[in-house]
Amino acid sequence: MDEGLTKIRHARSKKDFPFLKLDDDEYVEFAFKRSRLCLFAIFGGLALGLIIILFAFLMVLLGQKSLDDMGRHFMFMILMCLVAAGIIIGIIAITVYRGNRLFITNKHAIQMVMKSPVATSVNIIDLVSVEDASFHQAGLLQTIFHYGTFRLSTVGDETTYTFPYSDISSAELKAVVKLISEAKKKNKDKE
């Protein structure tokens, strides 16, 4: 690739992804995130939980005719605490969803994994050391909604890096495999 174009793509990648530590001649080819279906599951679970909480409190309040003002205020406080807890859980879930990313550059695969706001990790894999890239779907839901697990297997220690709940298309998978083979060819030419 032309050196000028490489510099432009590098500058654009640095601007778009300032948190990535890219080499001088490295740029982002693909930026993958988890499937949007995960967001629907988060919002659906929150909505269902809030509806159940509201329904339960309505049943309790309607069933208790002997509650005085103090009792109703106490029940309202409990309801507000449960709603606030649901909102906090939703914010944490969305933060974790957004924290799981996979970047494929012209040199590396960079996987950012967030299991909770305080448990994160970053895996950086040289494309030269990747032996196999694959996309695996298991089950009816994954097939219907086209999401699954993207896998990168490395040479040597036989480590497999997985990116679950991804909706990578077959064209994107082919492009990643092509990037891997180009990186291997460039590395072989250097030797």
N, C-alpha and C. Protein backbone atom coordinates (compact mmCIF):
# COMPACT_ATOMS: atom_id res chain seq x y z
N MET A 1 0.84 -1.17 0.00
CA MET A 1 0.00 0.00 0.00
C MET A 1 0.89 1.24 0.00
N ASP A 2 0.41 2.28 -0.61
CA ASP A 2 1.14 3.54 -0.69
C ASP A 2 1.40 4.09 0.72
N GLU A 3 2.62 4.59 0.95
CA GLU A 3 3.01 5.09 2.27
C GLU A 3 2.16 6.29 2.69
N GLY A 4 1.81 7.15 1.74
CA GLY A 4 0.97 8.32 2.04
C GLY A 4 -0.42 7.90 2.49
N LEU A 5 -0.99 6.90 1.81
CA LEU A 5 -2.30 6.40 2.18
C LEU A 5 -2.25 5.74 3.56
N THR A 6 -1.17 5.03 3.84
CA THR A 6 -1.00 4.40 5.15
C THR A 6 -0.99 5.46 6.25
N LYS A 7 -0.29 6.57 6.02
CA LYS A 7 -0.23 7.65 7.01
C LYS A 7 -1.60 8.27 7.23
N ILE A 8 -2.35 8.46 6.15
CA ILE A 8 -3.70 9.02 6.27
C ILE A 8 -4.60 8.09 7.06
N ARG A 9 -4.56 6.79 6.74
CA ARG A 9 -5.39 5.81 7.46
C ARG A 9 -4.98 5.69 8.92
N HIS A 10 -3.67 5.79 9.19
CA HIS A 10 -3.18 5.77 10.56
C HIS A 10 -3.71 6.98 11.33
N ALA A 11 -3.62 8.16 10.73
CA ALA A 11 -4.11 9.38 11.39
C ALA A 11 -5.61 9.29 11.66
N ARG A 12 -6.35 8.76 10.70
CA ARG A 12 -7.80 8.60 10.88
C ARG A 12 -8.11 7.60 12.00
N SER A 13 -7.37 6.52 12.06
CA SER A 13 -7.57 5.52 13.12
C SER A 13 -7.24 6.10 14.49
N LYS A 14 -6.16 6.90 14.57
CA LYS A 14 -5.80 7.54 15.85
C LYS A 14 -6.90 8.50 16.30
N LYS A 15 -7.52 9.19 15.33
CA LYS A 15 -8.59 10.13 15.65
C LYS A 15 -9.85 9.39 16.09
N ASP A 16 -10.22 8.34 15.37
CA ASP A 16 -11.45 7.60 15.66
C ASP A 16 -11.33 6.73 16.91
N PHE A 17 -10.13 6.20 17.17
CA PHE A 17 -9.91 5.28 18.29
C PHE A 17 -8.71 5.74 19.11
N PRO A 18 -8.82 6.87 19.83
CA PRO A 18 -7.65 7.41 20.54
C PRO A 18 -7.14 6.52 21.67
N PHE A 19 -7.96 5.59 22.14
CA PHE A 19 -7.57 4.71 23.23
C PHE A 19 -6.70 3.54 22.76
N LEU A 20 -6.59 3.33 21.45
CA LEU A 20 -5.75 2.26 20.93
C LEU A 20 -4.32 2.75 20.77
N LYS A 21 -3.38 1.92 21.15
CA LYS A 21 -1.96 2.24 20.98
C LYS A 21 -1.50 1.59 19.68
N LEU A 22 -1.54 2.35 18.61
CA LEU A 22 -1.19 1.84 17.28
C LEU A 22 0.25 2.18 16.94
N ASP A 23 0.91 1.27 16.19
CA ASP A 23 2.24 1.57 15.66
C ASP A 23 2.12 2.68 14.62
N ASP A 24 3.25 3.24 14.22
CA ASP A 24 3.25 4.37 13.28
C ASP A 24 2.64 4.02 11.92
N ASP A 25 2.83 2.79 11.47
CA ASP A 25 2.29 2.40 10.17
C ASP A 25 1.11 1.43 10.31
N GLU A 26 0.39 1.54 11.43
CA GLU A 26 -0.74 0.64 11.70
C GLU A 26 -2.04 1.43 11.66
N TYR A 27 -3.08 0.81 11.15
CA TYR A 27 -4.38 1.45 11.08
C TYR A 27 -5.47 0.39 11.25
N VAL A 28 -6.64 0.83 11.67
CA VAL A 28 -7.76 -0.07 11.94
C VAL A 28 -8.48 -0.38 10.63
N GLU A 29 -8.63 -1.67 10.37
CA GLU A 29 -9.38 -2.13 9.21
C GLU A 29 -10.85 -2.39 9.58
N PHE A 30 -11.06 -3.07 10.73
CA PHE A 30 -12.41 -3.41 11.18
C PHE A 30 -12.53 -3.12 12.67
N ALA A 31 -13.69 -2.63 13.08
CA ALA A 31 -14.01 -2.43 14.49
C ALA A 31 -15.33 -3.16 14.75
N PHE A 32 -15.24 -4.27 15.47
CA PHE A 32 -16.42 -5.08 15.75
C PHE A 32 -16.87 -4.85 17.19
N LYS A 33 -18.19 -4.90 17.38
CA LYS A 33 -18.72 -4.88 18.73
C LYS A 33 -19.75 -6.00 18.84
N ARG A 34 -20.26 -6.18 20.03
CA ARG A 34 -21.24 -7.24 20.23
C ARG A 34 -22.51 -6.94 19.43
N SER A 35 -23.29 -7.96 19.18
CA SER A 35 -24.53 -7.84 18.42
C SER A 35 -25.50 -6.90 19.12
N ARG A 36 -26.28 -6.18 18.33
CA ARG A 36 -27.30 -5.28 18.91
C ARG A 36 -28.36 -6.06 19.66
N LEU A 37 -28.46 -7.34 19.38
CA LEU A 37 -29.42 -8.18 20.09
C LEU A 37 -29.15 -8.15 21.59
N CYS A 38 -27.87 -7.98 21.98
CA CYS A 38 -27.52 -7.87 23.40
C CYS A 38 -28.17 -6.64 24.02
N LEU A 39 -28.20 -5.53 23.28
CA LEU A 39 -28.86 -4.32 23.78
C LEU A 39 -30.35 -4.54 23.96
N PHE A 40 -30.97 -5.22 23.01
CA PHE A 40 -32.39 -5.52 23.14
C PHE A 40 -32.65 -6.40 24.36
N ALA A 41 -31.76 -7.34 24.61
CA ALA A 41 -31.91 -8.20 25.79
C ALA A 41 -31.77 -7.39 27.07
N ILE A 42 -30.82 -6.45 27.10
CA ILE A 42 -30.63 -5.61 28.29
C ILE A 42 -31.88 -4.77 28.53
N PHE A 43 -32.33 -4.06 27.50
CA PHE A 43 -33.50 -3.19 27.67
C PHE A 43 -34.77 -3.99 27.93
N GLY A 44 -34.90 -5.14 27.27
CA GLY A 44 -36.06 -6.00 27.52
C GLY A 44 -36.09 -6.53 28.94
N GLY A 45 -34.92 -6.95 29.42
CA GLY A 45 -34.85 -7.44 30.81
C GLY A 45 -35.15 -6.35 31.81
N LEU A 46 -34.64 -5.15 31.56
CA LEU A 46 -34.94 -4.02 32.46
C LEU A 46 -36.41 -3.68 32.44
N ALA A 47 -37.00 -3.60 31.26
CA ALA A 47 -38.42 -3.27 31.15
C ALA A 47 -39.27 -4.33 31.85
N LEU A 48 -38.97 -5.59 31.62
CA LEU A 48 -39.73 -6.66 32.26
C LEU A 48 -39.59 -6.60 33.78
N GLY A 49 -38.36 -6.38 34.27
CA GLY A 49 -38.14 -6.28 35.70
C GLY A 49 -38.89 -5.11 36.32
N LEU A 50 -38.88 -3.97 35.66
CA LEU A 50 -39.60 -2.80 36.19
C LEU A 50 -41.11 -3.02 36.17
N ILE A 51 -41.61 -3.67 35.13
CA ILE A 51 -43.05 -3.96 35.06
C ILE A 51 -43.46 -4.91 36.19
N ILE A 52 -42.64 -5.92 36.45
CA ILE A 52 -42.94 -6.87 37.53
C ILE A 52 -42.93 -6.16 38.88
N ILE A 53 -41.94 -5.28 39.09
CA ILE A 53 -41.86 -4.54 40.36
C ILE A 53 -43.08 -3.65 40.53
N LEU A 54 -43.45 -2.90 39.49
CA LEU A 54 -44.62 -2.02 39.58
C LEU A 54 -45.90 -2.82 39.81
N PHE A 55 -46.04 -3.93 39.10
CA PHE A 55 -47.24 -4.77 39.27
C PHE A 55 -47.31 -5.32 40.69
N ALA A 56 -46.19 -5.79 41.22
CA ALA A 56 -46.18 -6.33 42.58
C ALA A 56 -46.55 -5.26 43.60
N PHE A 57 -46.02 -4.06 43.44
CA PHE A 57 -46.34 -2.99 44.39
C PHE A 57 -47.78 -2.53 44.26
N LEU A 58 -48.31 -2.50 43.05
CA LEU A 58 -49.72 -2.17 42.90
C LEU A 58 -50.60 -3.20 43.59
N MET A 59 -50.24 -4.46 43.45
CA MET A 59 -51.02 -5.52 44.11
C MET A 59 -50.97 -5.37 45.62
N VAL A 60 -49.78 -5.06 46.15
CA VAL A 60 -49.64 -4.90 47.60
C VAL A 60 -50.43 -3.69 48.08
N LEU A 61 -50.29 -2.57 47.37
CA LEU A 61 -50.98 -1.35 47.79
C LEU A 61 -52.49 -1.46 47.66
N LEU A 62 -52.98 -2.10 46.60
CA LEU A 62 -54.42 -2.27 46.43
C LEU A 62 -54.98 -3.30 47.40
N GLY A 63 -54.18 -4.25 47.79
CA GLY A 63 -54.62 -5.28 48.72
C GLY A 63 -54.60 -4.82 50.19
N GLN A 64 -53.88 -3.79 50.48
CA GLN A 64 -53.74 -3.28 51.85
C GLN A 64 -54.56 -2.01 52.02
N LYS A 65 -55.76 -2.16 52.47
CA LYS A 65 -56.61 -1.00 52.69
C LYS A 65 -56.28 -0.33 54.03
N SER A 66 -55.58 -1.05 54.89
CA SER A 66 -55.32 -0.52 56.23
C SER A 66 -54.01 0.26 56.33
N LEU A 67 -53.32 0.49 55.19
CA LEU A 67 -52.07 1.25 55.22
C LEU A 67 -52.37 2.73 55.46
N ASP A 68 -51.66 3.30 56.41
CA ASP A 68 -51.79 4.73 56.63
C ASP A 68 -50.82 5.48 55.72
N ASP A 69 -50.75 6.79 55.85
CA ASP A 69 -49.86 7.58 55.00
C ASP A 69 -48.41 7.18 55.17
N MET A 70 -48.00 6.89 56.39
CA MET A 70 -46.61 6.51 56.65
C MET A 70 -46.27 5.18 55.96
N GLY A 71 -47.18 4.25 55.99
CA GLY A 71 -46.97 2.96 55.33
C GLY A 71 -46.89 3.10 53.83
N ARG A 72 -47.76 3.97 53.25
CA ARG A 72 -47.71 4.21 51.80
C ARG A 72 -46.40 4.89 51.40
N HIS A 73 -45.94 5.84 52.21
CA HIS A 73 -44.66 6.50 51.92
C HIS A 73 -43.50 5.50 52.00
N PHE A 74 -43.57 4.60 52.97
CA PHE A 74 -42.53 3.58 53.10
C PHE A 74 -42.53 2.66 51.87
N MET A 75 -43.71 2.24 51.43
CA MET A 75 -43.80 1.38 50.25
C MET A 75 -43.30 2.13 49.01
N PHE A 76 -43.62 3.43 48.91
CA PHE A 76 -43.15 4.23 47.78
C PHE A 76 -41.62 4.33 47.80
N MET A 77 -41.02 4.49 48.96
CA MET A 77 -39.56 4.55 49.08
C MET A 77 -38.91 3.24 48.63
N ILE A 78 -39.51 2.12 49.04
CA ILE A 78 -38.99 0.82 48.62
C ILE A 78 -39.09 0.70 47.09
N LEU A 79 -40.23 1.11 46.52
CA LEU A 79 -40.40 1.08 45.07
C LEU A 79 -39.34 1.92 44.38
N MET A 80 -39.08 3.11 44.85
CA MET A 80 -38.09 3.99 44.24
C MET A 80 -36.68 3.39 44.34
N CYS A 81 -36.37 2.76 45.47
CA CYS A 81 -35.05 2.11 45.62
C CYS A 81 -34.89 0.97 44.63
N LEU A 82 -35.94 0.17 44.43
CA LEU A 82 -35.87 -0.93 43.48
C LEU A 82 -35.75 -0.42 42.04
N VAL A 83 -36.47 0.64 41.71
CA VAL A 83 -36.38 1.22 40.37
C VAL A 83 -34.97 1.79 40.16
N ALA A 84 -34.43 2.49 41.17
CA ALA A 84 -33.06 3.04 41.06
C ALA A 84 -32.04 1.91 40.89
N ALA A 85 -32.22 0.80 41.63
CA ALA A 85 -31.31 -0.33 41.49
C ALA A 85 -31.39 -0.91 40.08
N GLY A 86 -32.59 -0.99 39.52
CA GLY A 86 -32.75 -1.48 38.15
C GLY A 86 -32.06 -0.58 37.14
N ILE A 87 -32.15 0.72 37.34
CA ILE A 87 -31.50 1.67 36.43
C ILE A 87 -29.98 1.55 36.54
N ILE A 88 -29.47 1.40 37.75
CA ILE A 88 -28.02 1.23 37.94
C ILE A 88 -27.54 -0.05 37.28
N ILE A 89 -28.29 -1.13 37.45
CA ILE A 89 -27.93 -2.40 36.82
C ILE A 89 -27.93 -2.24 35.29
N GLY A 90 -28.91 -1.50 34.76
CA GLY A 90 -28.96 -1.25 33.32
C GLY A 90 -27.76 -0.46 32.83
N ILE A 91 -27.36 0.56 33.58
CA ILE A 91 -26.19 1.36 33.19
C ILE A 91 -24.94 0.50 33.19
N ILE A 92 -24.79 -0.35 34.21
CA ILE A 92 -23.63 -1.23 34.27
C ILE A 92 -23.64 -2.21 33.09
N ALA A 93 -24.80 -2.76 32.77
CA ALA A 93 -24.90 -3.72 31.66
C ALA A 93 -24.55 -3.06 30.33
N ILE A 94 -24.99 -1.83 30.12
CA ILE A 94 -24.68 -1.13 28.87
C ILE A 94 -23.20 -0.78 28.82
N THR A 95 -22.62 -0.41 29.96
CA THR A 95 -21.18 -0.12 30.01
C THR A 95 -20.37 -1.36 29.64
N VAL A 96 -20.76 -2.50 30.17
CA VAL A 96 -20.07 -3.75 29.84
C VAL A 96 -20.27 -4.09 28.37
N TYR A 97 -21.47 -3.90 27.86
CA TYR A 97 -21.73 -4.15 26.44
C TYR A 97 -20.81 -3.30 25.55
N ARG A 98 -20.71 -2.02 25.86
CA ARG A 98 -19.89 -1.11 25.06
C ARG A 98 -18.39 -1.36 25.25
N GLY A 99 -18.00 -1.98 26.35
CA GLY A 99 -16.59 -2.22 26.63
C GLY A 99 -16.01 -3.43 25.95
N ASN A 100 -16.84 -4.24 25.33
CA ASN A 100 -16.38 -5.44 24.62
C ASN A 100 -16.27 -5.11 23.14
N ARG A 101 -15.04 -5.00 22.66
CA ARG A 101 -14.79 -4.62 21.27
C ARG A 101 -13.67 -5.49 20.70
N LEU A 102 -13.66 -5.60 19.40
CA LEU A 102 -12.59 -6.31 18.69
C LEU A 102 -12.18 -5.44 17.51
N PHE A 103 -10.89 -5.13 17.47
CA PHE A 103 -10.34 -4.31 16.38
C PHE A 103 -9.37 -5.16 15.58
N ILE A 104 -9.53 -5.13 14.29
CA ILE A 104 -8.59 -5.80 13.39
C ILE A 104 -7.84 -4.69 12.65
N THR A 105 -6.54 -4.63 12.88
CA THR A 105 -5.72 -3.65 12.17
C THR A 105 -4.97 -4.36 11.06
N ASN A 106 -4.12 -3.63 10.37
CA ASN A 106 -3.33 -4.26 9.33
C ASN A 106 -2.20 -5.11 9.91
N LYS A 107 -1.97 -5.05 11.25
CA LYS A 107 -0.92 -5.83 11.90
C LYS A 107 -1.40 -6.72 13.05
N HIS A 108 -2.45 -6.31 13.75
CA HIS A 108 -2.87 -6.98 14.98
C HIS A 108 -4.38 -7.17 15.04
N ALA A 109 -4.76 -8.07 15.92
CA ALA A 109 -6.14 -8.17 16.38
C ALA A 109 -6.10 -7.72 17.83
N ILE A 110 -6.90 -6.73 18.17
CA ILE A 110 -6.92 -6.18 19.53
C ILE A 110 -8.30 -6.44 20.10
N GLN A 111 -8.34 -7.28 21.13
CA GLN A 111 -9.60 -7.66 21.76
C GLN A 111 -9.69 -7.00 23.13
N MET A 112 -10.74 -6.19 23.33
CA MET A 112 -10.98 -5.56 24.62
C MET A 112 -12.16 -6.28 25.26
N VAL A 113 -11.90 -6.90 26.42
CA VAL A 113 -12.91 -7.69 27.10
C VAL A 113 -13.24 -7.03 28.43
N MET A 114 -14.54 -6.79 28.66
CA MET A 114 -14.99 -6.23 29.92
C MET A 114 -16.06 -7.15 30.49
N LYS A 115 -15.76 -7.75 31.63
CA LYS A 115 -16.74 -8.62 32.29
C LYS A 115 -17.56 -7.85 33.32
N SER A 116 -16.98 -6.80 33.85
CA SER A 116 -17.64 -5.86 34.75
C SER A 116 -16.86 -4.55 34.65
N PRO A 117 -17.39 -3.46 35.17
CA PRO A 117 -16.64 -2.20 35.09
C PRO A 117 -15.26 -2.24 35.75
N VAL A 118 -15.03 -3.21 36.63
CA VAL A 118 -13.73 -3.30 37.30
C VAL A 118 -12.91 -4.51 36.86
N ALA A 119 -13.42 -5.30 35.92
CA ALA A 119 -12.69 -6.48 35.43
C ALA A 119 -12.58 -6.40 33.91
N THR A 120 -11.46 -5.85 33.46
CA THR A 120 -11.24 -5.70 32.02
C THR A 120 -9.91 -6.31 31.63
N SER A 121 -9.79 -6.66 30.36
CA SER A 121 -8.52 -7.15 29.84
C SER A 121 -8.41 -6.79 28.37
N VAL A 122 -7.17 -6.73 27.90
CA VAL A 122 -6.90 -6.43 26.49
C VAL A 122 -5.96 -7.52 25.97
N ASN A 123 -6.34 -8.15 24.87
CA ASN A 123 -5.50 -9.14 24.21
C ASN A 123 -5.06 -8.57 22.87
N ILE A 124 -3.76 -8.59 22.62
CA ILE A 124 -3.22 -8.12 21.34
C ILE A 124 -2.55 -9.31 20.66
N ILE A 125 -3.02 -9.64 19.47
CA ILE A 125 -2.54 -10.81 18.76
C ILE A 125 -1.96 -10.36 17.42
N ASP A 126 -0.74 -10.76 17.13
CA ASP A 126 -0.15 -10.47 15.82
C ASP A 126 -0.90 -11.27 14.77
N LEU A 127 -1.27 -10.63 13.69
CA LEU A 127 -1.97 -11.35 12.62
C LEU A 127 -1.12 -12.46 12.04
N VAL A 128 0.20 -12.29 12.11
CA VAL A 128 1.11 -13.31 11.59
C VAL A 128 0.97 -14.61 12.37
N SER A 129 0.65 -14.51 13.65
CA SER A 129 0.56 -15.72 14.48
C SER A 129 -0.83 -16.35 14.47
N VAL A 130 -1.77 -15.76 13.76
CA VAL A 130 -3.12 -16.34 13.69
C VAL A 130 -3.13 -17.45 12.64
N GLU A 131 -3.56 -18.61 13.07
CA GLU A 131 -3.62 -19.76 12.18
C GLU A 131 -4.99 -19.90 11.53
N ASP A 132 -6.03 -19.55 12.28
CA ASP A 132 -7.38 -19.78 11.78
C ASP A 132 -8.31 -18.70 12.31
N ALA A 133 -9.21 -18.22 11.46
CA ALA A 133 -10.27 -17.31 11.85
C ALA A 133 -11.59 -17.96 11.45
N SER A 134 -12.53 -18.02 12.39
CA SER A 134 -13.80 -18.67 12.07
C SER A 134 -14.95 -18.01 12.81
N PHE A 135 -16.15 -18.28 12.33
CA PHE A 135 -17.38 -17.77 12.93
C PHE A 135 -18.27 -18.97 13.18
N HIS A 136 -18.72 -19.15 14.43
CA HIS A 136 -19.47 -20.34 14.81
C HIS A 136 -20.82 -19.94 15.38
N GLN A 137 -21.88 -20.55 14.86
CA GLN A 137 -23.22 -20.37 15.39
C GLN A 137 -23.72 -21.70 15.93
N ALA A 138 -24.34 -21.65 17.09
CA ALA A 138 -24.89 -22.86 17.69
C ALA A 138 -26.30 -22.56 18.19
N GLY A 139 -27.24 -23.25 17.66
CA GLY A 139 -28.61 -23.09 18.13
C GLY A 139 -29.49 -22.29 17.19
N LEU A 140 -30.77 -22.42 17.42
CA LEU A 140 -31.77 -21.80 16.57
C LEU A 140 -31.75 -20.27 16.68
N LEU A 141 -31.66 -19.74 17.89
CA LEU A 141 -31.65 -18.28 18.07
C LEU A 141 -30.46 -17.63 17.37
N GLN A 142 -29.29 -18.24 17.50
CA GLN A 142 -28.11 -17.66 16.85
C GLN A 142 -28.24 -17.69 15.34
N THR A 143 -28.85 -18.73 14.82
CA THR A 143 -29.04 -18.82 13.37
C THR A 143 -30.08 -17.81 12.89
N ILE A 144 -31.18 -17.68 13.60
CA ILE A 144 -32.25 -16.75 13.20
C ILE A 144 -31.76 -15.30 13.26
N PHE A 145 -31.10 -14.94 14.35
CA PHE A 145 -30.68 -13.55 14.54
C PHE A 145 -29.26 -13.27 14.06
N HIS A 146 -28.63 -14.24 13.44
CA HIS A 146 -27.29 -14.15 12.87
C HIS A 146 -26.28 -13.53 13.83
N TYR A 147 -26.06 -14.20 14.92
CA TYR A 147 -24.96 -13.85 15.80
C TYR A 147 -24.32 -15.15 16.24
N GLY A 148 -23.10 -15.05 16.72
CA GLY A 148 -22.38 -16.24 17.12
C GLY A 148 -21.05 -15.86 17.75
N THR A 149 -20.09 -16.75 17.65
CA THR A 149 -18.78 -16.54 18.25
C THR A 149 -17.73 -16.47 17.15
N PHE A 150 -16.99 -15.37 17.15
CA PHE A 150 -15.88 -15.18 16.23
C PHE A 150 -14.63 -15.69 16.94
N ARG A 151 -13.87 -16.56 16.27
CA ARG A 151 -12.70 -17.19 16.90
C ARG A 151 -11.44 -16.92 16.09
N LEU A 152 -10.37 -16.65 16.83
CA LEU A 152 -9.04 -16.54 16.25
C LEU A 152 -8.15 -17.55 16.96
N SER A 153 -7.62 -18.51 16.23
CA SER A 153 -6.72 -19.51 16.80
C SER A 153 -5.29 -19.15 16.41
N THR A 154 -4.39 -19.25 17.38
CA THR A 154 -3.00 -18.88 17.10
C THR A 154 -2.12 -20.11 16.93
N VAL A 155 -0.99 -19.88 16.30
CA VAL A 155 0.00 -20.92 16.07
C VAL A 155 0.80 -21.12 17.35
N GLY A 156 1.31 -22.29 17.56
CA GLY A 156 2.22 -22.52 18.68
C GLY A 156 1.51 -23.01 19.92
N ASP A 157 1.16 -22.09 20.82
CA ASP A 157 0.60 -22.52 22.09
C ASP A 157 -0.88 -22.90 21.97
N GLU A 158 -1.41 -22.84 20.73
CA GLU A 158 -2.77 -23.28 20.44
C GLU A 158 -3.81 -22.54 21.26
N THR A 159 -3.61 -21.24 21.46
CA THR A 159 -4.58 -20.42 22.17
C THR A 159 -5.68 -20.01 21.20
N THR A 160 -6.92 -20.03 21.68
CA THR A 160 -8.05 -19.58 20.88
C THR A 160 -8.65 -18.37 21.57
N TYR A 161 -8.74 -17.28 20.84
CA TYR A 161 -9.36 -16.06 21.33
C TYR A 161 -10.78 -16.00 20.77
N THR A 162 -11.75 -15.83 21.63
CA THR A 162 -13.14 -15.82 21.19
C THR A 162 -13.78 -14.47 21.45
N PHE A 163 -14.67 -14.10 20.57
CA PHE A 163 -15.45 -12.89 20.71
C PHE A 163 -16.92 -13.29 20.55
N PRO A 164 -17.59 -13.64 21.68
CA PRO A 164 -18.97 -14.14 21.60
C PRO A 164 -19.98 -13.02 21.32
N TYR A 165 -21.17 -13.42 20.92
CA TYR A 165 -22.29 -12.52 20.64
C TYR A 165 -21.96 -11.50 19.55
N SER A 166 -21.19 -11.91 18.56
CA SER A 166 -20.84 -11.00 17.46
C SER A 166 -21.70 -11.32 16.25
N ASP A 167 -21.90 -10.32 15.42
CA ASP A 167 -22.70 -10.52 14.21
C ASP A 167 -21.87 -10.21 12.97
N ILE A 168 -20.73 -10.84 12.90
CA ILE A 168 -19.80 -10.64 11.79
C ILE A 168 -20.35 -11.34 10.54
N SER A 169 -20.37 -10.62 9.44
CA SER A 169 -20.89 -11.19 8.20
C SER A 169 -19.83 -12.08 7.54
N SER A 170 -20.26 -12.87 6.59
CA SER A 170 -19.32 -13.75 5.90
C SER A 170 -18.33 -12.93 5.06
N ALA A 171 -18.76 -11.79 4.53
CA ALA A 171 -17.84 -10.94 3.77
C ALA A 171 -16.76 -10.36 4.69
N GLU A 172 -17.14 -9.97 5.90
CA GLU A 172 -16.16 -9.45 6.86
C GLU A 172 -15.19 -10.54 7.28
N LEU A 173 -15.71 -11.76 7.47
CA LEU A 173 -14.83 -12.88 7.83
C LEU A 173 -13.83 -13.16 6.72
N LYS A 174 -14.28 -13.14 5.48
CA LYS A 174 -13.36 -13.35 4.35
C LYS A 174 -12.31 -12.25 4.29
N ALA A 175 -12.71 -11.01 4.57
CA ALA A 175 -11.76 -9.90 4.55
C ALA A 175 -10.72 -10.03 5.66
N VAL A 176 -11.15 -10.51 6.84
CA VAL A 176 -10.20 -10.73 7.94
C VAL A 176 -9.21 -11.83 7.57
N VAL A 177 -9.71 -12.92 6.99
CA VAL A 177 -8.83 -14.02 6.56
C VAL A 177 -7.83 -13.51 5.52
N LYS A 178 -8.29 -12.65 4.62
CA LYS A 178 -7.40 -12.07 3.61
C LYS A 178 -6.33 -11.19 4.27
N LEU A 179 -6.71 -10.40 5.27
CA LEU A 179 -5.74 -9.58 6.01
C LEU A 179 -4.68 -10.45 6.68
N ILE A 180 -5.13 -11.56 7.25
CA ILE A 180 -4.20 -12.48 7.93
C ILE A 180 -3.20 -13.04 6.92
N SER A 181 -3.70 -13.47 5.77
CA SER A 181 -2.78 -14.04 4.76
C SER A 181 -1.85 -12.97 4.20
N GLU A 182 -2.32 -11.73 4.03
CA GLU A 182 -1.44 -10.65 3.57
C GLU A 182 -0.36 -10.33 4.60
N ALA A 183 -0.74 -10.34 5.88
CA ALA A 183 0.25 -10.08 6.94
C ALA A 183 1.30 -11.18 6.96
N LYS A 184 0.89 -12.42 6.76
CA LYS A 184 1.85 -13.53 6.72
C LYS A 184 2.77 -13.40 5.50
N LYS A 185 2.19 -12.99 4.38
CA LYS A 185 3.01 -12.84 3.17
C LYS A 185 4.03 -11.73 3.35
N LYS A 186 3.63 -10.59 3.91
CA LYS A 186 4.56 -9.49 4.17
C LYS A 186 5.67 -9.92 5.13
N ASN A 187 5.30 -10.69 6.14
CA ASN A 187 6.30 -11.16 7.11
C ASN A 187 7.29 -12.11 6.45
N LYS A 188 6.78 -12.97 5.56
CA LYS A 188 7.66 -13.92 4.86
C LYS A 188 8.59 -13.17 3.91
N ASP A 189 8.09 -12.10 3.28
CA ASP A 189 8.93 -11.30 2.37
C ASP A 189 10.04 -10.58 3.12
N LYS A 190 9.79 -10.19 4.37
CA LYS A 190 10.82 -9.51 5.18
C LYS A 190 11.95 -10.44 5.54
N GLU A 191 11.64 -11.71 5.69
CA GLU A 191 12.65 -12.70 6.11
C GLU A 191 13.53 -13.08 5.01
